[in-house]
Amino acid sequence: MHRYARRLGLPRDAWDVYLIYGQGSRWEDEPPKPDFWMHQLASGAPAPELDGEQFAKEAIARLERRTSP
């Protein structure tokens, strides 16, 4: 949790966060920075609050770009 908090720029542990990673993301010592993320934290997160429909659109758009010729 602490590693994600640092990576996402959060002042406390990260939970209720939803992350999308790009195809080139590599997990090494620390989690990679997500390409897109949303949260359900009380406040203070530098990302939009979770909107399931918007999150799904982001994920689908990224998958479609990945599979396009």
N, C-alpha and C. Protein backbone atom coordinates (compact mmCIF):
# COMPACT_ATOMS: atom_id res chain seq x y z
N MET A 1 0.81 -1.19 0.00
CA MET A 1 0.00 0.00 0.00
C MET A 1 0.86 1.26 0.00
N HIS A 2 1.95 1.26 0.75
CA HIS A 2 2.80 2.44 0.81
C HIS A 2 3.44 2.73 -0.55
N ARG A 3 3.82 1.67 -1.24
CA ARG A 3 4.45 1.86 -2.55
C ARG A 3 3.48 2.51 -3.53
N TYR A 4 2.25 2.09 -3.50
CA TYR A 4 1.25 2.69 -4.38
C TYR A 4 0.99 4.14 -4.00
N ALA A 5 0.93 4.41 -2.71
CA ALA A 5 0.70 5.79 -2.26
C ALA A 5 1.81 6.70 -2.79
N ARG A 6 3.05 6.27 -2.67
CA ARG A 6 4.17 7.08 -3.20
C ARG A 6 4.03 7.28 -4.70
N ARG A 7 3.76 6.20 -5.41
CA ARG A 7 3.69 6.27 -6.87
C ARG A 7 2.56 7.17 -7.34
N LEU A 8 1.44 7.17 -6.61
CA LEU A 8 0.27 7.95 -7.01
C LEU A 8 0.26 9.36 -6.41
N GLY A 9 1.22 9.67 -5.58
CA GLY A 9 1.29 10.99 -4.97
C GLY A 9 0.25 11.22 -3.88
N LEU A 10 -0.07 10.16 -3.15
CA LEU A 10 -1.08 10.25 -2.09
C LEU A 10 -0.42 10.47 -0.74
N PRO A 11 -1.06 11.20 0.14
CA PRO A 11 -0.49 11.45 1.45
C PRO A 11 -0.65 10.28 2.42
N ARG A 12 -1.38 9.25 2.04
CA ARG A 12 -1.62 8.10 2.92
C ARG A 12 -1.71 6.84 2.06
N ASP A 13 -1.87 5.69 2.71
CA ASP A 13 -1.95 4.42 1.97
C ASP A 13 -3.02 4.49 0.88
N ALA A 14 -2.76 3.76 -0.18
CA ALA A 14 -3.69 3.72 -1.32
C ALA A 14 -4.62 2.53 -1.19
N TRP A 15 -5.89 2.77 -1.28
CA TRP A 15 -6.91 1.72 -1.33
C TRP A 15 -8.07 2.30 -2.13
N ASP A 16 -8.94 1.48 -2.58
CA ASP A 16 -10.05 1.92 -3.43
C ASP A 16 -9.55 2.77 -4.60
N VAL A 17 -8.49 2.29 -5.22
CA VAL A 17 -7.96 2.93 -6.42
C VAL A 17 -8.05 1.93 -7.57
N TYR A 18 -8.30 2.44 -8.73
CA TYR A 18 -8.52 1.61 -9.92
C TYR A 18 -7.54 2.08 -10.98
N LEU A 19 -6.67 1.17 -11.40
CA LEU A 19 -5.51 1.53 -12.21
C LEU A 19 -5.56 0.86 -13.57
N ILE A 20 -5.13 1.60 -14.59
CA ILE A 20 -4.97 1.04 -15.92
C ILE A 20 -3.51 1.24 -16.31
N TYR A 21 -2.87 0.14 -16.69
CA TYR A 21 -1.48 0.17 -17.11
C TYR A 21 -1.37 -0.09 -18.60
N GLY A 22 -0.39 0.55 -19.22
CA GLY A 22 -0.14 0.35 -20.64
C GLY A 22 0.60 -0.95 -20.90
N GLN A 23 0.61 -1.33 -22.13
CA GLN A 23 1.23 -2.58 -22.54
C GLN A 23 2.72 -2.62 -22.19
N GLY A 24 3.38 -1.49 -22.21
CA GLY A 24 4.82 -1.45 -21.93
C GLY A 24 5.18 -1.34 -20.46
N SER A 25 4.22 -1.34 -19.57
CA SER A 25 4.51 -1.20 -18.15
C SER A 25 5.28 -2.41 -17.64
N ARG A 26 6.27 -2.13 -16.81
CA ARG A 26 7.09 -3.19 -16.23
C ARG A 26 7.09 -3.05 -14.72
N TRP A 27 6.79 -4.15 -14.05
CA TRP A 27 6.78 -4.19 -12.59
C TRP A 27 8.15 -4.64 -12.13
N GLU A 28 8.84 -3.75 -11.42
CA GLU A 28 10.16 -4.10 -10.90
C GLU A 28 10.13 -3.90 -9.39
N ASP A 29 11.04 -3.14 -8.84
CA ASP A 29 11.08 -2.92 -7.39
C ASP A 29 9.86 -2.16 -6.89
N GLU A 30 9.40 -1.23 -7.67
CA GLU A 30 8.24 -0.40 -7.32
C GLU A 30 7.17 -0.61 -8.39
N PRO A 31 5.90 -0.41 -8.04
CA PRO A 31 4.87 -0.51 -9.08
C PRO A 31 5.07 0.62 -10.10
N PRO A 32 4.78 0.35 -11.36
CA PRO A 32 4.92 1.41 -12.36
C PRO A 32 3.82 2.45 -12.19
N LYS A 33 4.05 3.61 -12.78
CA LYS A 33 3.03 4.64 -12.77
C LYS A 33 1.91 4.22 -13.74
N PRO A 34 0.67 4.26 -13.29
CA PRO A 34 -0.42 3.87 -14.20
C PRO A 34 -0.62 4.90 -15.30
N ASP A 35 -1.13 4.45 -16.42
CA ASP A 35 -1.46 5.36 -17.52
C ASP A 35 -2.72 6.16 -17.20
N PHE A 36 -3.59 5.57 -16.40
CA PHE A 36 -4.85 6.22 -16.03
C PHE A 36 -5.30 5.61 -14.72
N TRP A 37 -5.89 6.45 -13.87
CA TRP A 37 -6.45 5.91 -12.63
C TRP A 37 -7.55 6.79 -12.08
N MET A 38 -8.39 6.16 -11.27
CA MET A 38 -9.48 6.84 -10.58
C MET A 38 -9.50 6.30 -9.15
N HIS A 39 -10.27 6.93 -8.29
CA HIS A 39 -10.25 6.55 -6.88
C HIS A 39 -11.62 6.71 -6.23
N GLN A 40 -11.71 6.15 -5.03
CA GLN A 40 -12.86 6.35 -4.16
C GLN A 40 -12.38 6.78 -2.78
N LEU A 41 -11.36 7.59 -2.74
CA LEU A 41 -10.80 8.08 -1.49
C LEU A 41 -11.61 9.28 -1.03
N ALA A 42 -11.48 9.61 0.23
CA ALA A 42 -12.23 10.75 0.79
C ALA A 42 -11.85 12.05 0.09
N SER A 43 -10.56 12.31 -0.06
CA SER A 43 -10.12 13.54 -0.73
C SER A 43 -8.61 13.51 -0.88
N GLY A 44 -8.11 14.49 -1.58
CA GLY A 44 -6.68 14.66 -1.70
C GLY A 44 -5.98 13.84 -2.77
N ALA A 45 -6.71 13.16 -3.61
CA ALA A 45 -6.08 12.37 -4.66
C ALA A 45 -5.97 13.20 -5.94
N PRO A 46 -4.80 13.14 -6.60
CA PRO A 46 -4.61 13.89 -7.84
C PRO A 46 -5.15 13.14 -9.07
N ALA A 47 -6.35 12.62 -8.95
CA ALA A 47 -7.00 11.89 -10.04
C ALA A 47 -8.50 12.03 -9.85
N PRO A 48 -9.27 11.76 -10.90
CA PRO A 48 -10.73 11.87 -10.77
C PRO A 48 -11.31 10.80 -9.85
N GLU A 49 -12.43 11.15 -9.23
CA GLU A 49 -13.17 10.16 -8.46
C GLU A 49 -13.75 9.12 -9.41
N LEU A 50 -13.91 7.91 -8.90
CA LEU A 50 -14.37 6.81 -9.75
C LEU A 50 -15.72 7.09 -10.37
N ASP A 51 -15.76 6.91 -11.65
CA ASP A 51 -16.98 6.92 -12.45
C ASP A 51 -16.86 5.65 -13.28
N GLY A 52 -17.61 4.64 -12.92
CA GLY A 52 -17.49 3.34 -13.56
C GLY A 52 -17.61 3.38 -15.07
N GLU A 53 -18.54 4.17 -15.56
CA GLU A 53 -18.73 4.26 -17.01
C GLU A 53 -17.50 4.89 -17.68
N GLN A 54 -16.98 5.95 -17.10
CA GLN A 54 -15.80 6.60 -17.67
C GLN A 54 -14.58 5.68 -17.60
N PHE A 55 -14.43 4.97 -16.49
CA PHE A 55 -13.30 4.06 -16.35
C PHE A 55 -13.38 2.96 -17.41
N ALA A 56 -14.57 2.42 -17.62
CA ALA A 56 -14.76 1.38 -18.64
C ALA A 56 -14.43 1.92 -20.03
N LYS A 57 -14.84 3.14 -20.33
CA LYS A 57 -14.54 3.74 -21.64
C LYS A 57 -13.03 3.87 -21.84
N GLU A 58 -12.33 4.32 -20.79
CA GLU A 58 -10.87 4.44 -20.86
C GLU A 58 -10.22 3.08 -21.12
N ALA A 59 -10.64 2.08 -20.39
CA ALA A 59 -10.07 0.75 -20.55
C ALA A 59 -10.34 0.20 -21.95
N ILE A 60 -11.56 0.32 -22.42
CA ILE A 60 -11.92 -0.19 -23.75
C ILE A 60 -11.16 0.55 -24.84
N ALA A 61 -11.06 1.86 -24.73
CA ALA A 61 -10.34 2.64 -25.74
C ALA A 61 -8.88 2.21 -25.81
N ARG A 62 -8.26 1.95 -24.67
CA ARG A 62 -6.87 1.53 -24.65
C ARG A 62 -6.71 0.13 -25.24
N LEU A 63 -7.65 -0.75 -24.96
CA LEU A 63 -7.59 -2.09 -25.54
C LEU A 63 -7.79 -2.04 -27.05
N GLU A 64 -8.69 -1.19 -27.51
CA GLU A 64 -8.92 -1.08 -28.95
C GLU A 64 -7.69 -0.53 -29.66
N ARG A 65 -7.02 0.43 -29.06
CA ARG A 65 -5.78 0.98 -29.68
C ARG A 65 -4.72 -0.10 -29.74
N ARG A 66 -4.67 -0.94 -28.73
CA ARG A 66 -3.66 -2.00 -28.67
C ARG A 66 -3.90 -3.05 -29.73
N THR A 67 -5.16 -3.31 -30.07
CA THR A 67 -5.47 -4.38 -31.00
C THR A 67 -5.70 -3.89 -32.42
N SER A 68 -5.61 -2.57 -32.63
CA SER A 68 -5.82 -2.03 -33.98
C SER A 68 -4.59 -2.33 -34.84
N PRO A 69 -4.84 -2.59 -36.15
CA PRO A 69 -3.70 -2.86 -37.04
C PRO A 69 -2.85 -1.64 -37.29
